[in-house]
C-alpha atoms as a PDB file:
ATOM      1  CA  MET A   1     -14.185  26.241  24.669  1.00  0.00           C
ATOM      2  CA  ASN A   2     -11.207  24.852  23.116  1.00  0.00           C
ATOM      3  CA  LYS A   3     -11.320  21.370  21.730  1.00  0.00           C
ATOM      4  CA  PRO A   4      -8.871  18.828  23.116  1.00  0.00           C
ATOM      5  CA  ILE A   5      -6.048  17.898  20.745  1.00  0.00           C
ATOM      6  CA  PRO A   6      -6.695  14.377  19.440  1.00  0.00           C
ATOM      7  CA  THR A   7      -4.124  11.826  20.896  1.00  0.00           C
ATOM      8  CA  PRO A   8      -2.925   8.976  18.830  1.00  0.00           C
ATOM      9  CA  LYS A   9      -3.527   5.494  20.238  1.00  0.00           C
ATOM     10  CA  ALA A  10      -0.494   3.424  21.170  1.00  0.00           C
ATOM     11  CA  CYS A  11      -1.130  -0.012  19.964  1.00  0.00           C
ATOM     12  CA  TYR A  12       0.605  -3.477  19.892  1.00  0.00           C
ATOM     13  CA  LEU A  13      -0.420  -5.119  16.612  1.00  0.00           C
ATOM     14  CA  ILE A  14      -0.171  -8.770  16.017  1.00  0.00           C
ATOM     15  CA  LYS A  15       1.650 -10.217  12.828  1.00  0.00           C
ATOM     16  CA  ASP A  16      -0.815 -11.284  10.092  1.00  0.00           C
ATOM     17  CA  LYS A  17      -3.950 -10.404  12.186  1.00  0.00           C
ATOM     18  CA  THR A  18      -6.424  -8.364  10.049  1.00  0.00           C
ATOM     19  CA  TYR A  19      -7.374  -5.005  11.665  1.00  0.00           C
ATOM     20  CA  ALA A  20     -10.216  -2.623  10.535  1.00  0.00           C
ATOM     21  CA  TYR A  21      -9.313   1.037  10.839  1.00  0.00           C
ATOM     22  CA  CYS A  22     -12.292   3.499  11.230  1.00  0.00           C
ATOM     23  CA  THR A  23     -12.441   5.947   8.304  1.00  0.00           C
ATOM     24  CA  CYS A  24     -15.812   7.663   9.200  1.00  0.00           C
ATOM     25  CA  ASN A  25     -14.699   9.140  12.420  1.00  0.00           C
ATOM     26  CA  HIS A  26     -17.867   8.134  14.219  1.00  0.00           C
ATOM     27  CA  SER A  27     -16.513   4.774  15.807  1.00  0.00           C
ATOM     28  CA  ILE A  28     -16.579   4.770  19.716  1.00  0.00           C
ATOM     29  CA  THR A  29     -13.670   2.243  19.607  1.00  0.00           C
ATOM     30  CA  LYS A  30     -11.409   4.562  17.361  1.00  0.00           C
ATOM     31  CA  PRO A  31      -8.922   3.981  15.937  1.00  0.00           C
ATOM     32  CA  TYR A  32     -10.751   0.641  15.208  1.00  0.00           C
ATOM     33  CA  CYS A  33     -14.047   0.345  13.365  1.00  0.00           C
ATOM     34  CA  ASP A  34     -17.128  -0.460  15.401  1.00  0.00           C
ATOM     35  CA  GLY A  35     -19.612  -0.558  12.415  1.00  0.00           C
ATOM     36  CA  SER A  36     -20.770   3.067  12.959  1.00  0.00           C
ATOM     37  CA  HIS A  37     -20.399   3.594   9.222  1.00  0.00           C
ATOM     38  CA  LYS A  38     -23.420   1.561   8.328  1.00  0.00           C
ATOM     39  CA  GLY A  39     -25.715   3.236   5.997  1.00  0.00           C
ATOM     40  CA  THR A  40     -22.952   5.572   4.727  1.00  0.00           C
ATOM     41  CA  GLN A  41     -20.456   5.395   1.897  1.00  0.00           C
ATOM     42  CA  HIS A  42     -17.501   4.853   4.289  1.00  0.00           C
ATOM     43  CA  LYS A  43     -15.747   1.593   4.631  1.00  0.00           C
ATOM     44  CA  PRO A  44     -13.114   0.606   7.076  1.00  0.00           C
ATOM     45  CA  LEU A  45      -9.587   0.541   5.996  1.00  0.00           C
ATOM     46  CA  LEU A  46      -8.419  -3.240   6.431  1.00  0.00           C
ATOM     47  CA  PHE A  47      -4.826  -3.842   7.174  1.00  0.00           C
ATOM     48  CA  LYS A  48      -2.234  -6.268   8.454  1.00  0.00           C
ATOM     49  CA  VAL A  49       1.295  -5.940   9.697  1.00  0.00           C
ATOM     50  CA  PRO A  50       4.183  -8.167   8.525  1.00  0.00           C
ATOM     51  CA  LYS A  51       5.584  -8.516  12.195  1.00  0.00           C
ATOM     52  CA  ASN A  52       4.424  -7.744  15.744  1.00  0.00           C
ATOM     53  CA  GLU A  53       4.974  -4.160  16.408  1.00  0.00           C
ATOM     54  CA  LYS A  54       4.190  -1.250  18.839  1.00  0.00           C
ATOM     55  CA  THR A  55       2.981   1.722  16.992  1.00  0.00           C
ATOM     56  CA  PHE A  56       0.643   4.739  17.025  1.00  0.00           C
ATOM     57  CA  LEU A  57      -2.620   4.685  15.150  1.00  0.00           C
ATOM     58  CA  CYS A  58      -4.402   8.009  14.128  1.00  0.00           C
ATOM     59  CA  THR A  59      -7.596   9.016  15.971  1.00  0.00           C
ATOM     60  CA  CYS A  60      -8.165  12.433  14.465  1.00  0.00           C
ATOM     61  CA  GLY A  61      -8.506  11.266  10.874  1.00  0.00           C
ATOM     62  CA  SER A  62      -6.030  13.918   9.382  1.00  0.00           C
ATOM     63  CA  THR A  63      -3.188  11.538   8.736  1.00  0.00           C
ATOM     64  CA  LYS A  64      -1.877  11.022   5.232  1.00  0.00           C
ATOM     65  CA  ASP A  65      -0.537   7.719   6.321  1.00  0.00           C
ATOM     66  CA  ALA A  66      -3.611   5.889   7.563  1.00  0.00           C
ATOM     67  CA  PRO A  67      -3.761   4.005   9.755  1.00  0.00           C
ATOM     68  CA  TYR A  68      -0.565   5.348  11.276  1.00  0.00           C
ATOM     69  CA  CYS A  69      -0.348   8.741  12.989  1.00  0.00           C
ATOM     70  CA  ASP A  70       1.865  11.282  11.139  1.00  0.00           C
ATOM     71  CA  GLY A  71       1.463  14.122  13.534  1.00  0.00           C
ATOM     72  CA  SER A  72      -0.985  16.151  11.358  1.00  0.00           C
ATOM     73  CA  HIS A  73      -3.344  16.711  14.206  1.00  0.00           C
END
């Protein structure tokens, strides 16, 4: 059975709000951290944006431009 191709999440990000991007790939709320990393060495990637923006965040974990999707999937 083929695995579905991960789809980046379209997001509207708010200026100066702190976001926590999942880096462990276990979050149910990907691309955002839900604390599933507890007890591991993983930590969320905290980030802010300088202006309100629409963007696509990575949900597959393969991007080289985290938290943004770079098409690596």
